[in-house]
Amino acid sequence: EKEYNEDPVYLLKIKDLSSKYKNIRRTRPDGNCFFRAFSYAYLEHLLTDKKEYDKFYAIAKDSKE
């Protein structure tokens, strides 16, 4: 928050997000940050959803052939 003290709108957004999420993961702002963040979140989701993991694994395995 300290780095955004001059931006009240951004501070409100930080406050709102911090009430919903306990952690953040920063990504490189290189134009691919959305895709990188989405991919990382999806892979984390696969750790808790066996059915989705099996589906992903089958697609990934078949893509090698």
N, C-alpha and C. Protein backbone atom coordinates (compact mmCIF):
# COMPACT_ATOMS: atom_id res chain seq x y z
N GLU A 1 0.82 -1.21 0.00
CA GLU A 1 0.00 0.00 0.00
C GLU A 1 0.86 1.26 0.00
N LYS A 2 2.01 1.19 0.63
CA LYS A 2 2.86 2.38 0.75
C LYS A 2 3.21 2.97 -0.61
N GLU A 3 3.43 2.11 -1.59
CA GLU A 3 3.84 2.63 -2.90
C GLU A 3 2.70 3.31 -3.65
N TYR A 4 1.46 3.19 -3.15
CA TYR A 4 0.31 3.79 -3.83
C TYR A 4 -0.41 4.83 -2.98
N ASN A 5 0.30 5.43 -2.02
CA ASN A 5 -0.31 6.41 -1.12
C ASN A 5 -0.94 7.60 -1.83
N GLU A 6 -0.44 7.94 -3.00
CA GLU A 6 -0.94 9.11 -3.73
C GLU A 6 -2.16 8.81 -4.60
N ASP A 7 -2.61 7.57 -4.63
CA ASP A 7 -3.71 7.18 -5.51
C ASP A 7 -4.86 6.60 -4.68
N PRO A 8 -5.85 7.44 -4.29
CA PRO A 8 -6.93 6.97 -3.43
C PRO A 8 -7.80 5.88 -4.07
N VAL A 9 -7.98 5.92 -5.37
CA VAL A 9 -8.77 4.88 -6.05
C VAL A 9 -8.07 3.53 -5.95
N TYR A 10 -6.78 3.54 -6.20
CA TYR A 10 -6.00 2.31 -6.12
C TYR A 10 -6.00 1.77 -4.69
N LEU A 11 -5.90 2.65 -3.71
CA LEU A 11 -5.94 2.22 -2.31
C LEU A 11 -7.26 1.55 -1.97
N LEU A 12 -8.37 2.08 -2.49
CA LEU A 12 -9.67 1.45 -2.27
C LEU A 12 -9.72 0.05 -2.89
N LYS A 13 -9.15 -0.08 -4.06
CA LYS A 13 -9.11 -1.38 -4.73
C LYS A 13 -8.27 -2.38 -3.93
N ILE A 14 -7.15 -1.91 -3.39
CA ILE A 14 -6.30 -2.77 -2.57
C ILE A 14 -7.07 -3.23 -1.33
N LYS A 15 -7.78 -2.31 -0.72
CA LYS A 15 -8.55 -2.64 0.48
C LYS A 15 -9.63 -3.68 0.16
N ASP A 16 -10.32 -3.49 -0.95
CA ASP A 16 -11.36 -4.44 -1.36
C ASP A 16 -10.76 -5.82 -1.63
N LEU A 17 -9.68 -5.87 -2.38
CA LEU A 17 -9.06 -7.16 -2.69
C LEU A 17 -8.51 -7.84 -1.44
N SER A 18 -7.95 -7.06 -0.52
CA SER A 18 -7.38 -7.67 0.69
C SER A 18 -8.46 -8.23 1.61
N SER A 19 -9.70 -7.78 1.45
CA SER A 19 -10.79 -8.36 2.25
C SER A 19 -11.25 -9.70 1.67
N LYS A 20 -10.90 -9.96 0.41
CA LYS A 20 -11.33 -11.20 -0.26
C LYS A 20 -10.21 -12.24 -0.35
N TYR A 21 -8.97 -11.77 -0.39
CA TYR A 21 -7.82 -12.67 -0.59
C TYR A 21 -6.78 -12.41 0.48
N LYS A 22 -6.13 -13.47 0.94
CA LYS A 22 -5.13 -13.28 1.99
C LYS A 22 -3.70 -13.16 1.45
N ASN A 23 -3.48 -13.56 0.20
CA ASN A 23 -2.15 -13.49 -0.40
C ASN A 23 -2.23 -12.94 -1.82
N ILE A 24 -1.08 -12.46 -2.31
CA ILE A 24 -0.99 -12.05 -3.71
C ILE A 24 0.25 -12.69 -4.31
N ARG A 25 0.23 -12.83 -5.60
CA ARG A 25 1.41 -13.28 -6.32
C ARG A 25 1.67 -12.26 -7.42
N ARG A 26 2.81 -11.64 -7.38
CA ARG A 26 3.14 -10.64 -8.39
C ARG A 26 3.65 -11.33 -9.65
N THR A 27 3.35 -10.71 -10.79
CA THR A 27 3.84 -11.22 -12.06
C THR A 27 4.57 -10.11 -12.80
N ARG A 28 5.39 -10.50 -13.73
CA ARG A 28 6.09 -9.51 -14.55
C ARG A 28 5.08 -8.77 -15.42
N PRO A 29 5.11 -7.45 -15.44
CA PRO A 29 4.19 -6.69 -16.30
C PRO A 29 4.73 -6.59 -17.73
N ASP A 30 4.72 -7.73 -18.43
CA ASP A 30 5.35 -7.78 -19.74
C ASP A 30 4.36 -8.01 -20.88
N GLY A 31 3.08 -7.85 -20.61
CA GLY A 31 2.09 -8.08 -21.65
C GLY A 31 1.51 -9.49 -21.61
N ASN A 32 2.18 -10.39 -20.91
CA ASN A 32 1.69 -11.76 -20.76
C ASN A 32 1.27 -12.04 -19.32
N CYS A 33 1.19 -11.02 -18.50
CA CYS A 33 0.95 -11.22 -17.07
C CYS A 33 -0.41 -11.88 -16.81
N PHE A 34 -1.44 -11.53 -17.58
CA PHE A 34 -2.74 -12.17 -17.37
C PHE A 34 -2.65 -13.65 -17.65
N PHE A 35 -2.04 -14.02 -18.76
CA PHE A 35 -1.94 -15.43 -19.14
C PHE A 35 -1.10 -16.22 -18.14
N ARG A 36 -0.03 -15.61 -17.66
CA ARG A 36 0.82 -16.26 -16.68
C ARG A 36 0.07 -16.45 -15.36
N ALA A 37 -0.63 -15.43 -14.91
CA ALA A 37 -1.38 -15.52 -13.65
C ALA A 37 -2.52 -16.52 -13.77
N PHE A 38 -3.23 -16.49 -14.89
CA PHE A 38 -4.33 -17.44 -15.10
C PHE A 38 -3.81 -18.87 -15.13
N SER A 39 -2.72 -19.10 -15.84
CA SER A 39 -2.15 -20.45 -15.93
C SER A 39 -1.71 -20.95 -14.56
N TYR A 40 -1.07 -20.10 -13.81
CA TYR A 40 -0.60 -20.49 -12.48
C TYR A 40 -1.79 -20.84 -11.58
N ALA A 41 -2.84 -20.02 -11.62
CA ALA A 41 -4.03 -20.29 -10.80
C ALA A 41 -4.70 -21.59 -11.23
N TYR A 42 -4.75 -21.83 -12.54
CA TYR A 42 -5.37 -23.06 -13.04
C TYR A 42 -4.57 -24.28 -12.58
N LEU A 43 -3.25 -24.21 -12.68
CA LEU A 43 -2.43 -25.34 -12.23
C LEU A 43 -2.58 -25.57 -10.73
N GLU A 44 -2.70 -24.51 -9.96
CA GLU A 44 -2.96 -24.67 -8.52
C GLU A 44 -4.31 -25.33 -8.29
N HIS A 45 -5.30 -24.96 -9.09
CA HIS A 45 -6.64 -25.54 -8.97
C HIS A 45 -6.59 -27.05 -9.25
N LEU A 46 -5.76 -27.46 -10.19
CA LEU A 46 -5.65 -28.88 -10.52
C LEU A 46 -5.19 -29.71 -9.32
N LEU A 47 -4.50 -29.10 -8.39
CA LEU A 47 -4.05 -29.81 -7.20
C LEU A 47 -5.21 -30.22 -6.30
N THR A 48 -6.34 -29.55 -6.44
CA THR A 48 -7.49 -29.82 -5.55
C THR A 48 -8.69 -30.42 -6.27
N ASP A 49 -8.60 -30.58 -7.59
CA ASP A 49 -9.74 -31.10 -8.36
C ASP A 49 -9.27 -32.26 -9.23
N LYS A 50 -9.42 -33.48 -8.71
CA LYS A 50 -8.92 -34.68 -9.39
C LYS A 50 -9.56 -34.87 -10.76
N LYS A 51 -10.85 -34.64 -10.87
CA LYS A 51 -11.54 -34.82 -12.15
C LYS A 51 -10.98 -33.86 -13.21
N GLU A 52 -10.80 -32.61 -12.84
CA GLU A 52 -10.24 -31.62 -13.77
C GLU A 52 -8.78 -31.96 -14.09
N TYR A 53 -8.05 -32.45 -13.09
CA TYR A 53 -6.66 -32.85 -13.33
C TYR A 53 -6.59 -33.98 -14.35
N ASP A 54 -7.44 -34.99 -14.19
CA ASP A 54 -7.45 -36.12 -15.12
C ASP A 54 -7.76 -35.66 -16.54
N LYS A 55 -8.70 -34.73 -16.66
CA LYS A 55 -9.05 -34.17 -17.97
C LYS A 55 -7.85 -33.44 -18.58
N PHE A 56 -7.22 -32.60 -17.78
CA PHE A 56 -6.05 -31.85 -18.24
C PHE A 56 -4.92 -32.79 -18.63
N TYR A 57 -4.68 -33.81 -17.81
CA TYR A 57 -3.60 -34.76 -18.07
C TYR A 57 -3.82 -35.48 -19.39
N ALA A 58 -5.05 -35.91 -19.65
CA ALA A 58 -5.35 -36.62 -20.90
C ALA A 58 -5.10 -35.72 -22.11
N ILE A 59 -5.52 -34.47 -22.02
CA ILE A 59 -5.30 -33.53 -23.13
C ILE A 59 -3.81 -33.27 -23.33
N ALA A 60 -3.09 -33.06 -22.23
CA ALA A 60 -1.65 -32.79 -22.32
C ALA A 60 -0.90 -34.00 -22.86
N LYS A 61 -1.26 -35.18 -22.41
CA LYS A 61 -0.61 -36.40 -22.86
C LYS A 61 -0.83 -36.61 -24.36
N ASP A 62 -2.06 -36.42 -24.80
CA ASP A 62 -2.39 -36.60 -26.23
C ASP A 62 -1.72 -35.55 -27.10
N SER A 63 -1.41 -34.40 -26.54
CA SER A 63 -0.81 -33.34 -27.35
C SER A 63 0.64 -33.66 -27.72
N LYS A 64 1.24 -34.60 -27.03
CA LYS A 64 2.62 -34.98 -27.32
C LYS A 64 2.73 -35.87 -28.55
N GLU A 65 1.64 -36.49 -28.93
CA GLU A 65 1.67 -37.45 -30.04
C GLU A 65 1.44 -36.81 -31.37
